[in-house]
C-alpha atoms as a PDB file:
ATOM      1  CA  MET A   1       7.638  -8.442 -12.297  1.00  0.00           C
ATOM      2  CA  LYS A   2       4.856  -9.104  -9.821  1.00  0.00           C
ATOM      3  CA  LYS A   3       2.951  -5.893  -9.022  1.00  0.00           C
ATOM      4  CA  ALA A   4       0.362  -4.944  -6.429  1.00  0.00           C
ATOM      5  CA  ILE A   5      -1.747  -1.889  -5.633  1.00  0.00           C
ATOM      6  CA  ILE A   6      -1.856  -0.397  -2.141  1.00  0.00           C
ATOM      7  CA  THR A   7      -4.525   2.069  -1.037  1.00  0.00           C
ATOM      8  CA  VAL A   8      -4.378   4.037   2.202  1.00  0.00           C
ATOM      9  CA  VAL A   9      -7.344   6.049   3.483  1.00  0.00           C
ATOM     10  CA  GLY A  10      -7.968   7.840   6.777  1.00  0.00           C
ATOM     11  CA  LYS A  11      -7.858  11.046   8.736  1.00  0.00           C
ATOM     12  CA  ASP A  12      -4.707  12.996   7.876  1.00  0.00           C
ATOM     13  CA  ALA A  13      -1.832  12.784  10.354  1.00  0.00           C
ATOM     14  CA  VAL A  14       1.923  13.279  10.378  1.00  0.00           C
ATOM     15  CA  GLY A  15       3.980  10.294   9.242  1.00  0.00           C
ATOM     16  CA  ILE A  16       1.506   8.165   7.276  1.00  0.00           C
ATOM     17  CA  ILE A  17       3.635   7.981   4.136  1.00  0.00           C
ATOM     18  CA  ALA A  18       6.824   7.467   6.175  1.00  0.00           C
ATOM     19  CA  ARG A  19       5.291   4.588   8.144  1.00  0.00           C
ATOM     20  CA  VAL A  20       3.988   2.729   5.090  1.00  0.00           C
ATOM     21  CA  CYS A  21       7.187   3.281   3.103  1.00  0.00           C
ATOM     22  CA  THR A  22       9.398   2.205   6.007  1.00  0.00           C
ATOM     23  CA  TYR A  23       7.420  -1.026   6.347  1.00  0.00           C
ATOM     24  CA  LEU A  24       7.687  -1.727   2.611  1.00  0.00           C
ATOM     25  CA  SER A  25      11.422  -1.021   2.618  1.00  0.00           C
ATOM     26  CA  ALA A  26      11.974  -3.454   5.494  1.00  0.00           C
ATOM     27  CA  GLN A  27      10.250  -6.144   3.400  1.00  0.00           C
ATOM     28  CA  HIS A  28      12.361  -5.320   0.295  1.00  0.00           C
ATOM     29  CA  VAL A  29       9.299  -4.134  -1.617  1.00  0.00           C
ATOM     30  CA  ASN A  30       9.998  -1.491  -4.270  1.00  0.00           C
ATOM     31  CA  ILE A  31       7.612   1.426  -4.811  1.00  0.00           C
ATOM     32  CA  LEU A  32       7.099   1.997  -8.542  1.00  0.00           C
ATOM     33  CA  ASP A  33       4.548   4.826  -8.364  1.00  0.00           C
ATOM     34  CA  ILE A  34       2.865   6.828  -5.626  1.00  0.00           C
ATOM     35  CA  SER A  35       0.077   9.380  -5.576  1.00  0.00           C
ATOM     36  CA  GLN A  36      -1.444  11.052  -2.535  1.00  0.00           C
ATOM     37  CA  THR A  37      -4.001  13.747  -1.823  1.00  0.00           C
ATOM     38  CA  ILE A  38      -5.575  15.321   1.211  1.00  0.00           C
ATOM     39  CA  THR A  39      -9.222  16.281   0.823  1.00  0.00           C
ATOM     40  CA  GLY A  40     -11.222  17.818   3.636  1.00  0.00           C
ATOM     41  CA  GLY A  41      -8.738  16.576   6.226  1.00  0.00           C
ATOM     42  CA  TYR A  42      -8.746  13.011   4.880  1.00  0.00           C
ATOM     43  CA  PHE A  43      -5.626  11.354   3.514  1.00  0.00           C
ATOM     44  CA  ASN A  44      -5.805   9.224   0.345  1.00  0.00           C
ATOM     45  CA  MET A  45      -2.830   7.415  -1.165  1.00  0.00           C
ATOM     46  CA  MET A  46      -2.374   4.884  -3.938  1.00  0.00           C
ATOM     47  CA  MET A  47       0.872   3.054  -4.611  1.00  0.00           C
ATOM     48  CA  VAL A  48       2.009   0.595  -7.248  1.00  0.00           C
ATOM     49  CA  ILE A  49       4.622  -1.760  -5.828  1.00  0.00           C
ATOM     50  CA  ASP A  50       6.937  -4.471  -7.143  1.00  0.00           C
ATOM     51  CA  LEU A  51       6.838  -7.671  -5.074  1.00  0.00           C
ATOM     52  CA  THR A  52       9.666  -9.433  -6.931  1.00  0.00           C
ATOM     53  CA  GLU A  53      12.228  -9.084  -4.106  1.00  0.00           C
ATOM     54  CA  SER A  54       9.764  -9.271  -1.190  1.00  0.00           C
ATOM     55  CA  LEU A  55      10.997 -11.124   1.878  1.00  0.00           C
ATOM     56  CA  VAL A  56       7.468 -12.178   2.896  1.00  0.00           C
ATOM     57  CA  SER A  57       4.492 -13.840   1.225  1.00  0.00           C
ATOM     58  CA  PHE A  58       1.764 -11.661  -0.257  1.00  0.00           C
ATOM     59  CA  SER A  59      -0.695 -12.589   2.508  1.00  0.00           C
ATOM     60  CA  ALA A  60       1.898 -11.731   5.189  1.00  0.00           C
ATOM     61  CA  LEU A  61       2.504  -8.396   3.468  1.00  0.00           C
ATOM     62  CA  GLN A  62      -1.246  -7.675   3.463  1.00  0.00           C
ATOM     63  CA  GLU A  63      -1.502  -8.503   7.167  1.00  0.00           C
ATOM     64  CA  GLY A  64       1.550  -6.409   8.022  1.00  0.00           C
ATOM     65  CA  LEU A  65       0.287  -3.390   6.108  1.00  0.00           C
ATOM     66  CA  SER A  66      -3.120  -3.705   7.722  1.00  0.00           C
ATOM     67  CA  ALA A  67      -1.518  -3.835  11.185  1.00  0.00           C
ATOM     68  CA  GLU A  68       0.689  -0.811  10.436  1.00  0.00           C
ATOM     69  CA  GLY A  69      -2.381   1.098   9.274  1.00  0.00           C
ATOM     70  CA  ALA A  70      -4.357   0.190  12.399  1.00  0.00           C
ATOM     71  CA  GLU A  71      -1.541   1.524  14.583  1.00  0.00           C
ATOM     72  CA  ILE A  72      -1.654   4.930  12.890  1.00  0.00           C
ATOM     73  CA  GLY A  73      -5.419   5.116  12.369  1.00  0.00           C
ATOM     74  CA  VAL A  74      -5.725   4.506   8.611  1.00  0.00           C
ATOM     75  CA  ILE A  75      -7.093   1.674   6.490  1.00  0.00           C
ATOM     76  CA  VAL A  76      -4.536  -0.009   4.238  1.00  0.00           C
ATOM     77  CA  HIS A  77      -5.532  -2.445   1.481  1.00  0.00           C
ATOM     78  CA  CYS A  78      -3.173  -4.341  -0.796  1.00  0.00           C
ATOM     79  CA  GLN A  79      -4.346  -6.206  -3.908  1.00  0.00           C
ATOM     80  CA  LEU A  80      -2.491  -7.878  -6.736  1.00  0.00           C
ATOM     81  CA  GLU A  81      -2.394  -5.903  -9.978  1.00  0.00           C
ATOM     82  CA  ASP A  82      -3.899  -8.890 -11.829  1.00  0.00           C
ATOM     83  CA  ILE A  83      -7.297  -8.131 -10.283  1.00  0.00           C
ATOM     84  CA  PHE A  84      -7.362  -4.674 -11.861  1.00  0.00           C
ATOM     85  CA  THR A  85      -5.997  -5.893 -15.188  1.00  0.00           C
ATOM     86  CA  LYS A  86      -8.592  -8.640 -15.494  1.00  0.00           C
ATOM     87  CA  MET A  87     -11.456  -6.327 -14.459  1.00  0.00           C
ATOM     88  CA  HIS A  88     -10.683  -4.029 -17.379  1.00  0.00           C
ATOM     89  CA  ARG A  89     -10.662  -6.893 -19.882  1.00  0.00           C
ATOM     90  CA  ILE A  90     -14.270  -7.852 -19.155  1.00  0.00           C
END
């Protein structure tokens, strides 16, 4: 299984989760875990996703998520899980 971490940050608005999840579903990306909070009017979300069945390359997925986020006024980052795993080994 090839996993990645998505973070979404920005001013809270209706439909942020729906927009990100709809995009991921269209790319055949499975959401394994999701956590979200709203603090002081700001939306924060972290997702763990499975890229195994993805229809697009990882870089295309990153670009697509970034574009979706820009359209709804949030910042979306996507990084491979390996980065986090290797950071904790050091």
